[in-house]
Amino acid sequence: MSDFDGEAFIDRFNTVWDDHDLDGITDMFTDDVVFEASFGSQPYGERATGKEDARKLAAAVFEKVPDLHFAEIRHVVTPDFAVVESVTTGTPVGGSPYEIHLVDVLTIRDGKIAAKRSYRKSRL
């Protein structure tokens, strides 16, 4: 994709997630997206496949942490791949405020997110 503007893509990605903009998030996904949240019962967290299930998983993330905020540290982006490092803060419903580092690994196809795999630091 020769006209891919990686910086605009990352700016939009950061904005829609920080704004909890489900329509904007969903619009960035391919129809067959794979979204792996950074939490869940499986080693990869929780996985959603397909645009609608990925939207539901994103909505569930915001329901669990209504004040979730993302502050980018740095990123690398190509037309096919991006890595975004962020500091995330929030207070889970019924829980305590937290601050952790998060990495999103994005597979990009035709300017859309085909896979979003999230990894975060954990305190033991």
N, C-alpha and C. Protein backbone atom coordinates (compact mmCIF):
# COMPACT_ATOMS: atom_id res chain seq x y z
N MET A 1 0.85 -1.17 0.00
CA MET A 1 0.00 0.00 0.00
C MET A 1 0.90 1.23 0.00
N SER A 2 1.15 1.79 -1.15
CA SER A 2 2.13 2.85 -1.31
C SER A 2 1.70 4.17 -0.67
N ASP A 3 0.42 4.43 -0.51
CA ASP A 3 -0.03 5.69 0.07
C ASP A 3 -0.33 5.58 1.56
N PHE A 4 0.14 4.55 2.21
CA PHE A 4 -0.09 4.33 3.64
C PHE A 4 0.66 5.38 4.44
N ASP A 5 -0.05 6.11 5.29
CA ASP A 5 0.55 7.12 6.16
C ASP A 5 0.60 6.53 7.57
N GLY A 6 1.74 5.96 7.89
CA GLY A 6 1.90 5.26 9.16
C GLY A 6 1.69 6.16 10.37
N GLU A 7 2.19 7.38 10.31
CA GLU A 7 2.03 8.29 11.46
C GLU A 7 0.56 8.64 11.68
N ALA A 8 -0.18 8.87 10.61
CA ALA A 8 -1.62 9.16 10.74
C ALA A 8 -2.36 7.93 11.26
N PHE A 9 -1.95 6.75 10.81
CA PHE A 9 -2.56 5.50 11.26
C PHE A 9 -2.38 5.34 12.77
N ILE A 10 -1.15 5.54 13.26
CA ILE A 10 -0.88 5.39 14.69
C ILE A 10 -1.60 6.47 15.49
N ASP A 11 -1.65 7.68 14.99
CA ASP A 11 -2.36 8.74 15.68
C ASP A 11 -3.84 8.38 15.81
N ARG A 12 -4.43 7.88 14.75
CA ARG A 12 -5.84 7.47 14.79
C ARG A 12 -6.03 6.31 15.77
N PHE A 13 -5.15 5.31 15.70
CA PHE A 13 -5.21 4.16 16.60
C PHE A 13 -5.20 4.62 18.05
N ASN A 14 -4.23 5.47 18.40
CA ASN A 14 -4.13 5.96 19.77
C ASN A 14 -5.38 6.74 20.18
N THR A 15 -5.89 7.55 19.30
CA THR A 15 -7.04 8.39 19.61
C THR A 15 -8.31 7.57 19.84
N VAL A 16 -8.61 6.64 18.94
CA VAL A 16 -9.86 5.88 19.09
C VAL A 16 -9.84 5.01 20.33
N TRP A 17 -8.69 4.43 20.67
CA TRP A 17 -8.61 3.61 21.88
C TRP A 17 -8.69 4.48 23.12
N ASP A 18 -7.99 5.60 23.15
CA ASP A 18 -8.02 6.44 24.34
C ASP A 18 -9.40 7.09 24.53
N ASP A 19 -10.10 7.35 23.44
CA ASP A 19 -11.45 7.93 23.51
C ASP A 19 -12.54 6.88 23.73
N HIS A 20 -12.18 5.60 23.76
CA HIS A 20 -13.16 4.50 23.89
C HIS A 20 -14.18 4.57 22.75
N ASP A 21 -13.72 4.93 21.57
CA ASP A 21 -14.57 5.12 20.39
C ASP A 21 -14.77 3.78 19.68
N LEU A 22 -15.81 3.05 20.06
CA LEU A 22 -16.03 1.70 19.50
C LEU A 22 -16.24 1.71 18.00
N ASP A 23 -16.93 2.72 17.47
CA ASP A 23 -17.11 2.81 16.01
C ASP A 23 -15.76 3.03 15.33
N GLY A 24 -14.94 3.92 15.89
CA GLY A 24 -13.63 4.19 15.31
C GLY A 24 -12.71 2.99 15.40
N ILE A 25 -12.75 2.29 16.53
CA ILE A 25 -11.95 1.08 16.70
C ILE A 25 -12.36 0.03 15.67
N THR A 26 -13.65 -0.21 15.58
CA THR A 26 -14.17 -1.23 14.67
C THR A 26 -13.84 -0.90 13.23
N ASP A 27 -13.89 0.38 12.88
CA ASP A 27 -13.59 0.81 11.52
C ASP A 27 -12.13 0.53 11.14
N MET A 28 -11.25 0.47 12.13
CA MET A 28 -9.83 0.20 11.84
C MET A 28 -9.56 -1.29 11.63
N PHE A 29 -10.51 -2.17 11.97
CA PHE A 29 -10.33 -3.61 11.87
C PHE A 29 -10.72 -4.15 10.49
N THR A 30 -10.02 -5.19 10.04
CA THR A 30 -10.48 -5.95 8.88
C THR A 30 -11.68 -6.80 9.32
N ASP A 31 -12.44 -7.31 8.38
CA ASP A 31 -13.60 -8.14 8.72
C ASP A 31 -13.19 -9.40 9.47
N ASP A 32 -11.99 -9.92 9.20
CA ASP A 32 -11.53 -11.17 9.82
C ASP A 32 -10.47 -10.94 10.91
N VAL A 33 -10.48 -9.77 11.51
CA VAL A 33 -9.49 -9.41 12.52
C VAL A 33 -9.40 -10.45 13.64
N VAL A 34 -8.21 -10.59 14.20
CA VAL A 34 -8.00 -11.35 15.42
C VAL A 34 -7.52 -10.35 16.46
N PHE A 35 -8.27 -10.26 17.56
CA PHE A 35 -7.94 -9.34 18.64
C PHE A 35 -7.72 -10.16 19.90
N GLU A 36 -6.51 -10.05 20.45
CA GLU A 36 -6.18 -10.72 21.71
C GLU A 36 -5.94 -9.66 22.77
N ALA A 37 -6.86 -9.61 23.74
CA ALA A 37 -6.74 -8.66 24.84
C ALA A 37 -5.60 -9.11 25.76
N SER A 38 -5.12 -8.19 26.57
CA SER A 38 -3.96 -8.49 27.42
C SER A 38 -4.34 -9.20 28.70
N PHE A 39 -5.59 -9.56 28.87
CA PHE A 39 -6.03 -10.29 30.05
C PHE A 39 -7.01 -11.38 29.63
N GLY A 40 -7.20 -12.34 30.49
CA GLY A 40 -8.12 -13.43 30.23
C GLY A 40 -7.57 -14.73 30.79
N SER A 41 -8.31 -15.79 30.61
CA SER A 41 -7.94 -17.06 31.23
C SER A 41 -6.93 -17.87 30.40
N GLN A 42 -6.70 -17.50 29.17
CA GLN A 42 -5.78 -18.23 28.30
C GLN A 42 -4.40 -17.58 28.31
N PRO A 43 -3.36 -18.30 27.90
CA PRO A 43 -2.02 -17.70 27.87
C PRO A 43 -1.95 -16.44 26.99
N TYR A 44 -2.78 -16.36 25.96
CA TYR A 44 -2.81 -15.20 25.07
C TYR A 44 -3.81 -14.14 25.54
N GLY A 45 -4.46 -14.37 26.67
CA GLY A 45 -5.48 -13.46 27.18
C GLY A 45 -6.84 -13.93 26.76
N GLU A 46 -7.63 -13.03 26.20
CA GLU A 46 -8.93 -13.39 25.63
C GLU A 46 -8.88 -13.05 24.16
N ARG A 47 -9.41 -13.94 23.31
CA ARG A 47 -9.32 -13.76 21.85
C ARG A 47 -10.70 -13.59 21.25
N ALA A 48 -10.79 -12.64 20.34
CA ALA A 48 -11.99 -12.44 19.53
C ALA A 48 -11.58 -12.51 18.07
N THR A 49 -12.38 -13.19 17.26
CA THR A 49 -12.11 -13.30 15.83
C THR A 49 -13.30 -12.73 15.07
N GLY A 50 -13.01 -11.85 14.13
CA GLY A 50 -14.06 -11.19 13.37
C GLY A 50 -14.36 -9.82 13.96
N LYS A 51 -14.78 -8.92 13.10
CA LYS A 51 -14.98 -7.51 13.47
C LYS A 51 -15.99 -7.34 14.61
N GLU A 52 -17.13 -8.02 14.53
CA GLU A 52 -18.16 -7.82 15.55
C GLU A 52 -17.74 -8.38 16.91
N ASP A 53 -17.11 -9.56 16.93
CA ASP A 53 -16.64 -10.11 18.20
C ASP A 53 -15.51 -9.26 18.78
N ALA A 54 -14.66 -8.71 17.91
CA ALA A 54 -13.59 -7.84 18.38
C ALA A 54 -14.17 -6.56 18.99
N ARG A 55 -15.22 -6.04 18.40
CA ARG A 55 -15.89 -4.86 18.96
C ARG A 55 -16.44 -5.18 20.35
N LYS A 56 -17.06 -6.35 20.49
CA LYS A 56 -17.62 -6.75 21.78
C LYS A 56 -16.51 -6.89 22.83
N LEU A 57 -15.37 -7.43 22.43
CA LEU A 57 -14.26 -7.57 23.37
C LEU A 57 -13.72 -6.20 23.77
N ALA A 58 -13.60 -5.28 22.82
CA ALA A 58 -13.16 -3.92 23.15
C ALA A 58 -14.15 -3.27 24.12
N ALA A 59 -15.44 -3.44 23.86
CA ALA A 59 -16.46 -2.88 24.76
C ALA A 59 -16.33 -3.47 26.16
N ALA A 60 -16.04 -4.77 26.24
CA ALA A 60 -15.87 -5.43 27.54
C ALA A 60 -14.66 -4.87 28.29
N VAL A 61 -13.60 -4.56 27.55
CA VAL A 61 -12.41 -3.96 28.17
C VAL A 61 -12.81 -2.64 28.83
N PHE A 62 -13.56 -1.80 28.11
CA PHE A 62 -13.95 -0.49 28.64
C PHE A 62 -14.97 -0.62 29.77
N GLU A 63 -15.79 -1.66 29.74
CA GLU A 63 -16.72 -1.89 30.84
C GLU A 63 -15.97 -2.30 32.10
N LYS A 64 -14.92 -3.10 31.95
CA LYS A 64 -14.12 -3.53 33.10
C LYS A 64 -13.30 -2.39 33.70
N VAL A 65 -12.83 -1.49 32.82
CA VAL A 65 -12.00 -0.36 33.26
C VAL A 65 -12.55 0.90 32.59
N PRO A 66 -13.61 1.48 33.16
CA PRO A 66 -14.29 2.61 32.49
C PRO A 66 -13.43 3.85 32.28
N ASP A 67 -12.40 4.04 33.11
CA ASP A 67 -11.55 5.22 32.97
C ASP A 67 -10.20 4.88 32.33
N LEU A 68 -10.16 3.80 31.58
CA LEU A 68 -8.92 3.35 30.94
C LEU A 68 -8.33 4.46 30.07
N HIS A 69 -7.04 4.69 30.25
CA HIS A 69 -6.34 5.74 29.51
C HIS A 69 -5.04 5.16 28.96
N PHE A 70 -4.70 5.55 27.74
CA PHE A 70 -3.48 5.11 27.07
C PHE A 70 -2.61 6.33 26.78
N ALA A 71 -1.35 6.27 27.16
CA ALA A 71 -0.39 7.33 26.84
C ALA A 71 0.79 6.67 26.13
N GLU A 72 0.93 6.96 24.85
CA GLU A 72 2.00 6.32 24.06
C GLU A 72 3.38 6.72 24.57
N ILE A 73 4.25 5.72 24.60
CA ILE A 73 5.68 5.95 24.89
C ILE A 73 6.43 6.08 23.57
N ARG A 74 6.22 5.11 22.68
CA ARG A 74 6.88 5.12 21.37
C ARG A 74 6.18 4.11 20.46
N HIS A 75 6.50 4.19 19.18
CA HIS A 75 5.93 3.23 18.22
C HIS A 75 6.88 3.05 17.04
N VAL A 76 6.65 1.96 16.34
CA VAL A 76 7.30 1.67 15.07
C VAL A 76 6.18 1.23 14.14
N VAL A 77 6.16 1.74 12.92
CA VAL A 77 5.07 1.38 12.00
C VAL A 77 5.60 1.24 10.58
N THR A 78 5.12 0.21 9.90
CA THR A 78 5.34 -0.01 8.47
C THR A 78 3.96 -0.26 7.87
N PRO A 79 3.82 -0.36 6.55
CA PRO A 79 2.52 -0.67 5.98
C PRO A 79 1.95 -2.04 6.38
N ASP A 80 2.81 -2.94 6.90
CA ASP A 80 2.37 -4.29 7.24
C ASP A 80 2.37 -4.60 8.73
N PHE A 81 3.00 -3.76 9.54
CA PHE A 81 3.26 -4.13 10.92
C PHE A 81 3.47 -2.88 11.76
N ALA A 82 2.99 -2.91 13.00
CA ALA A 82 3.26 -1.81 13.92
C ALA A 82 3.38 -2.35 15.34
N VAL A 83 4.18 -1.66 16.14
CA VAL A 83 4.29 -1.93 17.57
C VAL A 83 4.09 -0.59 18.26
N VAL A 84 3.17 -0.60 19.23
CA VAL A 84 2.89 0.62 19.99
C VAL A 84 3.08 0.30 21.47
N GLU A 85 3.99 1.04 22.11
CA GLU A 85 4.21 0.90 23.55
C GLU A 85 3.49 2.05 24.25
N SER A 86 2.76 1.71 25.32
CA SER A 86 1.99 2.72 26.04
C SER A 86 2.07 2.49 27.54
N VAL A 87 1.79 3.55 28.27
CA VAL A 87 1.50 3.43 29.69
C VAL A 87 -0.02 3.49 29.80
N THR A 88 -0.60 2.50 30.47
CA THR A 88 -2.05 2.51 30.66
C THR A 88 -2.35 2.71 32.13
N THR A 89 -3.38 3.49 32.36
CA THR A 89 -3.85 3.73 33.72
C THR A 89 -5.35 3.52 33.75
N GLY A 90 -5.84 3.18 34.91
CA GLY A 90 -7.28 3.02 35.07
C GLY A 90 -7.61 2.40 36.41
N THR A 91 -8.89 2.28 36.63
CA THR A 91 -9.40 1.67 37.85
C THR A 91 -10.45 0.65 37.46
N PRO A 92 -10.14 -0.65 37.56
CA PRO A 92 -11.14 -1.66 37.25
C PRO A 92 -12.35 -1.52 38.18
N VAL A 93 -13.53 -1.84 37.67
CA VAL A 93 -14.73 -1.82 38.49
C VAL A 93 -14.50 -2.71 39.71
N GLY A 94 -14.68 -2.12 40.89
CA GLY A 94 -14.49 -2.86 42.14
C GLY A 94 -13.03 -3.07 42.52
N GLY A 95 -12.11 -2.45 41.78
CA GLY A 95 -10.68 -2.67 42.05
C GLY A 95 -9.96 -1.39 42.42
N SER A 96 -8.66 -1.46 42.37
CA SER A 96 -7.79 -0.33 42.72
C SER A 96 -7.16 0.26 41.47
N PRO A 97 -6.83 1.55 41.52
CA PRO A 97 -6.16 2.18 40.38
C PRO A 97 -4.83 1.48 40.07
N TYR A 98 -4.46 1.49 38.80
CA TYR A 98 -3.21 0.87 38.39
C TYR A 98 -2.54 1.70 37.31
N GLU A 99 -1.26 1.42 37.11
CA GLU A 99 -0.47 1.98 36.02
C GLU A 99 0.44 0.85 35.55
N ILE A 100 0.35 0.49 34.29
CA ILE A 100 1.19 -0.58 33.73
C ILE A 100 1.63 -0.20 32.32
N HIS A 101 2.64 -0.91 31.84
CA HIS A 101 3.08 -0.74 30.47
C HIS A 101 2.42 -1.79 29.60
N LEU A 102 2.01 -1.37 28.40
CA LEU A 102 1.30 -2.22 27.45
C LEU A 102 2.01 -2.14 26.11
N VAL A 103 2.06 -3.26 25.41
CA VAL A 103 2.57 -3.28 24.04
C VAL A 103 1.48 -3.88 23.15
N ASP A 104 1.13 -3.17 22.10
CA ASP A 104 0.22 -3.68 21.08
C ASP A 104 1.05 -4.02 19.85
N VAL A 105 0.92 -5.25 19.39
CA VAL A 105 1.57 -5.72 18.17
C VAL A 105 0.47 -5.84 17.12
N LEU A 106 0.59 -5.05 16.07
CA LEU A 106 -0.46 -4.96 15.06
C LEU A 106 0.02 -5.52 13.72
N THR A 107 -0.78 -6.40 13.14
CA THR A 107 -0.58 -6.83 11.76
C THR A 107 -1.52 -5.97 10.93
N ILE A 108 -0.99 -5.33 9.91
CA ILE A 108 -1.76 -4.40 9.09
C ILE A 108 -1.92 -4.97 7.69
N ARG A 109 -3.15 -4.91 7.18
CA ARG A 109 -3.43 -5.36 5.82
C ARG A 109 -4.31 -4.31 5.14
N ASP A 110 -3.82 -3.77 4.03
CA ASP A 110 -4.56 -2.76 3.28
C ASP A 110 -5.02 -1.60 4.16
N GLY A 111 -4.15 -1.18 5.08
CA GLY A 111 -4.44 -0.03 5.91
C GLY A 111 -5.35 -0.28 7.09
N LYS A 112 -5.70 -1.55 7.33
CA LYS A 112 -6.58 -1.92 8.45
C LYS A 112 -5.85 -2.90 9.36
N ILE A 113 -6.33 -3.04 10.58
CA ILE A 113 -5.73 -3.95 11.55
C ILE A 113 -6.29 -5.35 11.33
N ALA A 114 -5.42 -6.27 10.91
CA ALA A 114 -5.81 -7.67 10.71
C ALA A 114 -5.60 -8.49 11.98
N ALA A 115 -4.69 -8.05 12.84
CA ALA A 115 -4.47 -8.69 14.13
C ALA A 115 -3.97 -7.65 15.11
N LYS A 116 -4.53 -7.70 16.32
CA LYS A 116 -4.09 -6.83 17.42
C LYS A 116 -3.83 -7.73 18.61
N ARG A 117 -2.58 -7.87 18.95
CA ARG A 117 -2.18 -8.71 20.08
C ARG A 117 -1.58 -7.80 21.15
N SER A 118 -2.20 -7.80 22.33
CA SER A 118 -1.79 -6.90 23.40
C SER A 118 -1.07 -7.66 24.49
N TYR A 119 0.01 -7.07 24.98
CA TYR A 119 0.82 -7.66 26.05
C TYR A 119 1.06 -6.58 27.08
N ARG A 120 0.96 -6.94 28.36
CA ARG A 120 1.21 -5.96 29.40
C ARG A 120 2.04 -6.54 30.52
N LYS A 121 2.70 -5.63 31.20
CA LYS A 121 3.47 -6.01 32.38
C LYS A 121 2.49 -6.40 33.48
N SER A 122 2.94 -7.27 34.35
CA SER A 122 2.12 -7.67 35.47
C SER A 122 2.95 -7.63 36.73
N ARG A 123 2.32 -7.34 37.81
CA ARG A 123 3.01 -7.33 39.09
C ARG A 123 2.69 -8.63 39.81
N LEU A 124 3.71 -9.31 40.25
CA LEU A 124 3.51 -10.57 40.96
C LEU A 124 3.56 -10.36 42.46
